[in-house]
Amino acid sequence: MNNDTMRGLLGRRTLLGGAAGLGAASLGVAPAAAQRAVDFSGRTIEWNVPFAEGGGSDVWARFMAPYLARYLPGRPNVVIRNTPGGGSITGTNDFFLRARNDGSTFIGTSGSTQFPFLLGDPRVRYDYAQMPPVLVSPTGGVVYLPARFNVANASELGKVRGQQLVYASQGATSLDLVPMLAFVVLGLNVRHVFGMRGRGEGRLALERGEATIDYQTSSAYLTQVRPMIQAGNAVPLFSWGVLDAQGNVARDPSFPELPHFVEAYEMLHGRKPSGVEFNAYLAFFGSGFAAQKPAMLPRGTAPEIVATYRRAFAQAVADPELQAKKGEVLGDYEQAVGDNIQRLYEVATTIDPDARAWVRNYLATNHNTRF
């Protein structure tokens, strides 16, 4: 896919609920000079995480919090407040409806919070268009096959198009919706077996021969799957890729030797992907991986507070100590801060209405999902 096509796809997305886009001015971002008026000395800042302790979003927030505290004016204490429930919908609804907009609280969500919003889940009361973003963190993953299929790379996926593959899934509307849509776009015949409690169980199912195609997140791929590949038991096909600052799909920096999904499609089909199915894939790939974890202030937060948080997160991400310790928490992925935040935030929280309708119909028809 060329850059103009990608920009066109992203440009055509519209926010659910009728919002037309997320310009910095519409979310109240003030110039740097206004930041001097903000001072959090002696205060405690709550970072809301609508998930239980110990999960990926909790680990992410707890890793980032002390660095954010270091660069917010007045060096306040930043604490994590976990509000799990309803697959993260409950805590996010409560934050959106009740959070104070004085800078004393903000929220960090994940792809599993964005997906219900994109799908139009009636339980959702939050509106991403009204919450100004201050950080967006991406992640990645790799799709792979057992070596016994004799598929050397994505260009040879045609060898398995005539047979049914099995994918061990956490659920039709979980983050495993991304590989589900990817397989549809590629034209693969994949049966999804639901009930996995994590991608680790999916990998074990493949190792036992119960599943025949799988993906793992970046850290799990490096630690659990790469040894399988080195032993000759598995073959990597493609990464999901990342989005650059202009919204174009690019190779994952953790796996630069692997094609990303769009390249894999071209390798298999000899043409660029297009159509409503591909638009749907792009929306959920962006929300689930390329811009998986956004941090946002409450609706109505003053422009000078938004600008202060954005500057503090930019400084935190650049902190030499954070860079030295980021390891498996942030990986090699560039954190979106400052001027780079808006495009990725739009990707994570918007979807073309036709693509949304197609996904809802697909899930209802093929997986008995009701909205």
Protein backbone atom coordinates (compact mmCIF):
# COMPACT_ATOMS: atom_id res chain seq x y z
CA MET A 1 0.00 0.00 0.00
CA ASN A 2 1.45 3.38 -0.95
CA ASN A 3 1.56 6.33 1.44
CA ASP A 4 -1.19 8.27 -0.34
CA THR A 5 -3.54 5.31 -0.07
CA MET A 6 -2.83 4.88 3.63
CA ARG A 7 -3.32 8.55 4.34
CA GLY A 8 -6.57 8.40 2.42
CA LEU A 9 -7.81 5.47 4.46
CA LEU A 10 -6.96 7.18 7.71
CA GLY A 11 -8.39 10.46 6.50
CA ARG A 12 -11.74 8.88 5.68
CA ARG A 13 -12.24 7.45 9.15
CA THR A 14 -14.85 9.24 11.21
CA LEU A 15 -15.42 9.04 14.93
CA LEU A 16 -18.34 7.07 16.29
CA GLY A 17 -21.02 9.41 17.53
CA GLY A 18 -20.50 11.88 14.72
CA ALA A 19 -17.25 13.60 15.72
CA ALA A 20 -15.30 14.62 12.65
CA GLY A 21 -11.72 14.34 13.93
CA LEU A 22 -9.38 15.21 16.74
CA GLY A 23 -7.44 18.38 16.11
CA ALA A 24 -5.22 19.72 18.87
CA ALA A 25 -7.32 22.83 19.19
CA SER A 26 -10.55 20.85 19.61
CA LEU A 27 -9.04 19.02 22.58
CA GLY A 28 -7.79 22.17 24.22
CA VAL A 29 -4.02 21.99 23.86
CA ALA A 30 -2.32 25.20 24.94
CA PRO A 31 1.01 26.62 23.80
CA ALA A 32 4.07 25.90 25.93
CA ALA A 33 4.06 29.35 27.49
CA ALA A 34 0.80 28.60 29.29
CA GLN A 35 2.37 25.63 31.12
CA ARG A 36 4.03 27.88 33.71
CA ALA A 37 0.68 28.40 35.42
CA VAL A 38 0.37 24.69 36.32
CA ASP A 39 1.85 23.46 39.60
CA PHE A 40 1.12 20.11 41.28
CA SER A 41 3.32 20.63 44.35
CA GLY A 42 2.12 18.60 47.32
CA ARG A 43 -0.59 16.85 45.33
CA THR A 44 -1.29 13.22 44.53
CA ILE A 45 -2.12 12.33 40.92
CA GLU A 46 -4.22 9.24 40.22
CA TRP A 47 -3.46 7.20 37.11
CA ASN A 48 -6.64 5.18 36.59
CA VAL A 49 -6.18 1.70 35.11
CA PRO A 50 -9.49 -0.08 34.37
CA PHE A 51 -7.85 -3.50 34.75
CA ALA A 52 -6.72 -5.66 37.65
CA GLU A 53 -3.23 -5.45 39.12
CA GLY A 54 -0.54 -7.42 37.36
CA GLY A 55 -1.86 -7.21 33.79
CA GLY A 56 -0.11 -5.55 30.88
CA SER A 57 -1.78 -2.17 31.33
CA ASP A 58 -1.05 -2.16 35.05
CA VAL A 59 2.61 -3.02 34.47
CA TRP A 60 2.85 -0.29 31.81
CA ALA A 61 1.35 2.35 34.12
CA ARG A 62 3.45 1.39 37.13
CA PHE A 63 6.60 1.50 35.02
CA MET A 64 5.81 4.94 33.59
CA ALA A 65 4.40 6.60 36.73
CA PRO A 66 7.63 7.53 38.57
CA TYR A 67 9.10 9.10 35.43
CA LEU A 68 5.95 11.12 34.84
CA ALA A 69 6.07 12.32 38.47
CA ARG A 70 9.66 13.42 37.92
CA TYR A 71 8.65 15.85 35.14
CA LEU A 72 5.24 17.14 36.19
CA PRO A 73 5.57 20.63 37.76
CA GLY A 74 5.95 20.33 41.52
CA ARG A 75 6.89 16.65 41.33
CA PRO A 76 3.60 15.26 42.67
CA ASN A 77 3.13 11.68 43.81
CA VAL A 78 1.63 9.61 40.96
CA VAL A 79 -0.29 6.55 42.17
CA ILE A 80 -2.07 3.79 40.25
CA ARG A 81 -5.78 3.25 40.89
CA ASN A 82 -7.06 -0.07 39.53
CA THR A 83 -10.77 -0.18 38.68
CA PRO A 84 -11.38 -3.54 36.95
CA GLY A 85 -14.73 -4.80 35.75
CA GLY A 86 -16.74 -5.35 32.61
CA GLY A 87 -13.67 -5.98 30.51
CA SER A 88 -12.44 -2.45 31.39
CA ILE A 89 -15.72 -0.82 30.33
CA THR A 90 -16.97 -0.25 33.90
CA GLY A 91 -13.95 1.67 35.12
CA THR A 92 -13.65 3.69 31.92
CA ASN A 93 -17.34 4.64 32.03
CA ASP A 94 -16.95 5.79 35.62
CA PHE A 95 -13.87 7.84 34.79
CA PHE A 96 -15.48 9.48 31.77
CA LEU A 97 -18.64 10.43 33.66
CA ARG A 98 -17.18 11.43 37.04
CA ALA A 99 -13.45 12.24 36.87
CA ARG A 100 -12.29 15.66 38.07
CA ASN A 101 -10.76 17.71 35.26
CA ASP A 102 -8.32 19.65 37.44
CA GLY A 103 -5.27 17.59 36.43
CA SER A 104 -5.40 15.36 39.50
CA THR A 105 -6.45 12.26 37.57
CA PHE A 106 -6.12 10.64 34.16
CA ILE A 107 -6.72 7.22 32.63
CA GLY A 108 -4.77 4.68 30.61
CA THR A 109 -6.82 2.24 28.54
CA SER A 110 -5.97 -0.56 26.13
CA GLY A 111 -7.12 -2.18 22.91
CA SER A 112 -9.69 -4.19 24.83
CA THR A 113 -11.23 -0.87 25.92
CA GLN A 114 -11.07 0.66 22.45
CA PHE A 115 -12.66 -2.37 20.74
CA PRO A 116 -16.08 -2.09 22.44
CA PHE A 117 -16.10 1.61 21.56
CA LEU A 118 -15.29 0.90 17.92
CA LEU A 119 -17.88 -1.88 17.75
CA GLY A 120 -20.65 0.25 19.24
CA ASP A 121 -21.11 -1.85 22.38
CA PRO A 122 -24.22 -0.46 24.14
CA ARG A 123 -22.49 -0.69 27.53
CA VAL A 124 -20.00 2.01 26.52
CA ARG A 125 -20.62 5.51 27.88
CA TYR A 126 -17.18 6.96 27.20
CA ASP A 127 -16.25 8.99 24.14
CA TYR A 128 -12.61 9.10 23.15
CA ALA A 129 -13.18 12.25 21.12
CA GLN A 130 -13.75 14.18 24.33
CA MET A 131 -10.70 12.94 26.27
CA PRO A 132 -7.44 14.68 25.26
CA PRO A 133 -4.55 12.21 24.79
CA VAL A 134 -1.18 12.77 26.44
CA LEU A 135 0.63 9.52 25.55
CA VAL A 136 0.12 6.62 23.14
CA SER A 137 2.11 3.39 23.52
CA PRO A 138 2.27 0.80 20.71
CA THR A 139 3.09 -2.89 20.82
CA GLY A 140 3.50 -5.65 18.26
CA GLY A 141 3.17 -9.32 17.43
CA VAL A 142 4.16 -12.04 14.96
CA VAL A 143 2.07 -14.68 13.15
CA TYR A 144 3.68 -18.08 12.65
CA LEU A 145 2.95 -21.64 11.45
CA PRO A 146 4.27 -25.08 12.38
CA ALA A 147 7.18 -26.03 10.12
CA ARG A 148 5.41 -29.21 8.98
CA PHE A 149 3.34 -27.18 6.50
CA ASN A 150 6.52 -26.52 4.47
CA VAL A 151 5.65 -22.83 4.11
CA ALA A 152 8.89 -20.87 3.95
CA ASN A 153 7.37 -17.38 4.12
CA ALA A 154 4.19 -15.42 3.47
CA SER A 155 4.49 -15.76 -0.30
CA GLU A 156 3.90 -19.51 0.11
CA LEU A 157 0.71 -19.26 2.16
CA GLY A 158 -1.13 -20.43 -0.92
CA LYS A 159 0.00 -23.94 0.04
CA VAL A 160 -2.45 -23.94 2.97
CA ARG A 161 -5.34 -21.99 1.45
CA GLY A 162 -7.09 -25.23 0.51
CA GLN A 163 -7.18 -26.59 4.04
CA GLN A 164 -8.72 -25.49 7.31
CA LEU A 165 -6.35 -24.05 9.88
CA VAL A 166 -7.18 -23.83 13.59
CA TYR A 167 -6.57 -20.78 15.77
CA ALA A 168 -6.88 -20.97 19.58
CA SER A 169 -8.66 -17.69 20.47
CA GLN A 170 -9.51 -15.72 23.58
CA GLY A 171 -12.80 -14.57 22.04
CA ALA A 172 -14.34 -13.02 18.95
CA THR A 173 -14.27 -9.45 20.32
CA SER A 174 -10.99 -9.74 22.23
CA LEU A 175 -7.64 -8.63 20.83
CA ASP A 176 -7.81 -11.84 18.82
CA LEU A 177 -10.24 -10.01 16.55
CA VAL A 178 -7.12 -8.63 14.80
CA PRO A 179 -5.81 -12.01 13.61
CA MET A 180 -9.39 -13.05 12.81
CA LEU A 181 -9.76 -10.12 10.41
CA ALA A 182 -6.23 -10.60 9.07
CA PHE A 183 -7.00 -14.20 8.10
CA VAL A 184 -10.20 -13.10 6.37
CA VAL A 185 -8.34 -10.46 4.35
CA LEU A 186 -5.63 -12.96 3.40
CA GLY A 187 -8.27 -15.45 2.24
CA LEU A 188 -7.27 -18.19 4.69
CA ASN A 189 -9.78 -20.75 5.97
CA VAL A 190 -9.35 -20.60 9.74
CA ARG A 191 -11.57 -22.13 12.42
CA HIS A 192 -11.45 -20.15 15.68
CA VAL A 193 -11.68 -22.18 18.87
CA PHE A 194 -12.64 -19.88 21.74
CA GLY A 195 -11.97 -20.11 25.45
CA MET A 196 -8.24 -19.46 25.74
CA ARG A 197 -7.36 -17.44 28.84
CA GLY A 198 -4.34 -15.84 27.20
CA ARG A 199 -2.08 -16.08 24.19
CA GLY A 200 0.18 -18.40 26.17
CA GLU A 201 -2.55 -21.03 26.07
CA GLY A 202 -2.84 -20.47 22.32
CA ARG A 203 0.86 -21.15 21.87
CA LEU A 204 0.66 -24.32 23.93
CA ALA A 205 -2.28 -25.49 21.82
CA LEU A 206 -0.13 -25.08 18.72
CA GLU A 207 2.77 -26.92 20.33
CA ARG A 208 0.42 -29.82 21.15
CA GLY A 209 -0.84 -29.90 17.57
CA GLU A 210 -4.35 -28.75 18.50
CA ALA A 211 -3.91 -25.37 16.77
CA THR A 212 -2.19 -24.86 13.44
CA ILE A 213 -1.68 -21.08 13.24
CA ASP A 214 -0.91 -18.62 16.01
CA TYR A 215 0.40 -15.18 16.87
CA GLN A 216 2.26 -14.01 19.94
CA THR A 217 2.99 -10.52 21.23
CA SER A 218 6.51 -9.22 20.78
CA SER A 219 7.92 -10.24 24.16
CA ALA A 220 6.34 -13.71 24.07
CA TYR A 221 7.51 -14.24 20.50
CA LEU A 222 11.09 -13.41 21.41
CA THR A 223 11.16 -15.61 24.51
CA GLN A 224 8.83 -18.48 23.60
CA VAL A 225 8.48 -18.76 19.81
CA ARG A 226 11.92 -17.83 18.54
CA PRO A 227 13.42 -20.93 20.21
CA MET A 228 10.82 -23.01 18.34
CA ILE A 229 11.93 -21.38 15.08
CA GLN A 230 15.59 -21.94 15.85
CA ALA A 231 14.82 -25.60 16.54
CA GLY A 232 13.14 -25.89 13.14
CA ASN A 233 9.65 -26.43 14.57
CA ALA A 234 7.97 -23.18 13.46
CA VAL A 235 8.17 -20.59 10.68
CA PRO A 236 7.45 -16.85 11.13
CA LEU A 237 5.15 -15.37 8.47
CA PHE A 238 4.73 -11.66 9.24
CA SER A 239 4.46 -9.09 11.99
CA TRP A 240 1.47 -6.82 12.43
CA GLY A 241 3.80 -3.89 11.82
CA VAL A 242 3.67 -0.41 13.32
CA LEU A 243 2.39 2.97 12.20
CA ASP A 244 4.77 5.84 11.62
CA ALA A 245 3.99 9.45 12.54
CA GLN A 246 2.12 9.93 9.24
CA GLY A 247 -0.09 6.88 9.80
CA ASN A 248 1.68 4.60 7.32
CA VAL A 249 2.25 0.90 8.07
CA ALA A 250 5.95 0.17 8.58
CA ARG A 251 8.03 -2.78 9.71
CA ASP A 252 8.14 -3.60 13.40
CA PRO A 253 11.45 -2.37 14.86
CA SER A 254 11.64 -5.52 16.98
CA PHE A 255 11.48 -7.72 13.85
CA PRO A 256 12.83 -5.64 10.95
CA GLU A 257 13.63 -8.79 8.99
CA LEU A 258 9.95 -9.80 8.81
CA PRO A 259 7.41 -8.34 6.39
CA HIS A 260 4.45 -6.56 7.98
CA PHE A 261 0.91 -7.67 7.25
CA VAL A 262 0.41 -5.42 4.23
CA GLU A 263 3.66 -6.66 2.68
CA ALA A 264 2.64 -10.26 3.43
CA TYR A 265 -0.63 -9.72 1.59
CA GLU A 266 1.23 -8.37 -1.42
CA MET A 267 3.65 -11.32 -1.31
CA LEU A 268 0.72 -13.76 -1.39
CA HIS A 269 -1.63 -12.00 -3.81
CA GLY A 270 0.68 -9.85 -5.93
CA ARG A 271 -1.44 -6.74 -5.37
CA LYS A 272 -2.20 -4.21 -2.66
CA PRO A 273 -5.01 -4.94 -0.18
CA SER A 274 -8.19 -2.87 -0.39
CA GLY A 275 -11.90 -2.98 0.37
CA VAL A 276 -14.10 -2.78 3.42
CA GLU A 277 -12.58 -5.89 5.00
CA PHE A 278 -9.11 -4.34 4.83
CA ASN A 279 -10.40 -1.04 6.23
CA ALA A 280 -11.90 -2.99 9.13
CA TYR A 281 -8.61 -4.78 9.72
CA LEU A 282 -6.71 -1.46 9.73
CA ALA A 283 -9.02 0.02 12.36
CA PHE A 284 -8.62 -2.86 14.80
CA PHE A 285 -4.92 -3.37 14.08
CA GLY A 286 -4.37 0.29 14.90
CA SER A 287 -6.43 0.11 18.07
CA GLY A 288 -5.12 -3.25 19.21
CA PHE A 289 -1.42 -2.94 18.42
CA ALA A 290 -0.08 0.17 16.69
CA ALA A 291 -1.71 2.46 19.25
CA GLN A 292 -2.74 -0.01 21.90
CA LYS A 293 -2.36 1.97 25.12
CA PRO A 294 -3.40 5.65 25.20
CA ALA A 295 -3.33 7.82 28.31
CA MET A 296 -5.97 10.58 28.47
CA LEU A 297 -7.13 13.41 30.68
CA PRO A 298 -10.82 13.91 31.53
CA ARG A 299 -13.12 15.78 29.18
CA GLY A 300 -13.09 19.49 29.80
CA THR A 301 -9.51 19.60 31.10
CA ALA A 302 -8.00 23.07 30.73
CA PRO A 303 -5.63 23.58 27.77
CA GLU A 304 -2.68 24.49 29.99
CA ILE A 305 -3.04 21.23 31.94
CA VAL A 306 -3.19 19.18 28.74
CA ALA A 307 -0.05 20.90 27.45
CA THR A 308 1.73 20.33 30.77
CA TYR A 309 1.00 16.61 30.73
CA ARG A 310 2.09 16.28 27.14
CA ARG A 311 5.39 17.97 27.87
CA ALA A 312 5.93 15.87 31.02
CA PHE A 313 5.31 12.60 29.16
CA ALA A 314 7.66 13.68 26.36
CA GLN A 315 10.38 14.35 28.92
CA ALA A 316 9.64 11.12 30.79
CA VAL A 317 9.94 9.02 27.64
CA ALA A 318 13.28 10.67 26.83
CA ASP A 319 14.64 10.11 30.35
CA PRO A 320 17.92 8.14 30.09
CA GLU A 321 16.97 5.94 33.03
CA LEU A 322 13.64 5.00 31.43
CA GLN A 323 15.39 4.28 28.14
CA ALA A 324 17.86 2.01 29.92
CA LYS A 325 15.15 0.09 31.79
CA LYS A 326 12.27 -0.04 29.30
CA GLY A 327 13.13 -3.59 28.20
CA GLU A 328 10.12 -5.86 27.91
CA VAL A 329 7.66 -3.21 29.16
CA LEU A 330 7.96 -0.81 26.20
CA GLY A 331 10.25 -2.76 23.89
CA ASP A 332 11.81 -0.99 20.92
CA TYR A 333 8.60 0.85 20.07
CA GLU A 334 8.63 4.61 19.77
CA GLN A 335 6.22 6.15 22.27
CA ALA A 336 3.92 8.74 20.73
CA VAL A 337 4.24 12.03 22.60
CA GLY A 338 3.98 15.70 21.75
CA ASP A 339 3.32 16.40 18.08
CA ASN A 340 3.33 12.69 17.21
CA ILE A 341 0.40 11.77 19.42
CA GLN A 342 -2.60 12.93 17.41
CA ARG A 343 -2.37 10.64 14.41
CA LEU A 344 -1.95 7.46 16.46
CA TYR A 345 -4.74 8.47 18.83
CA GLU A 346 -7.09 8.93 15.91
CA VAL A 347 -6.12 5.49 14.61
CA ALA A 348 -6.83 3.88 17.97
CA THR A 349 -10.23 5.46 18.44
CA THR A 350 -11.85 5.87 15.03
CA ILE A 351 -13.38 3.60 12.42
CA ASP A 352 -15.06 4.08 9.07
CA PRO A 353 -18.83 3.50 9.52
CA ASP A 354 -18.96 1.00 6.65
CA ALA A 355 -16.09 -0.98 8.14
CA ARG A 356 -17.78 -0.98 11.54
CA ALA A 357 -21.03 -2.25 10.04
CA TRP A 358 -19.16 -4.96 8.15
CA VAL A 359 -17.36 -6.21 11.28
CA ARG A 360 -20.56 -6.28 13.33
CA ASN A 361 -22.33 -8.26 10.60
CA TYR A 362 -19.38 -10.62 10.19
CA LEU A 363 -19.22 -11.35 13.92
CA ALA A 364 -22.98 -11.82 14.19
CA THR A 365 -23.15 -14.10 11.17
CA ASN A 366 -20.06 -16.20 11.74
CA HIS A 367 -19.62 -16.19 15.52
CA ASN A 368 -23.10 -15.50 16.90
CA THR A 369 -21.93 -12.24 18.51
CA ARG A 370 -24.74 -9.95 19.63
CA PHE A 371 -24.45 -6.22 20.24
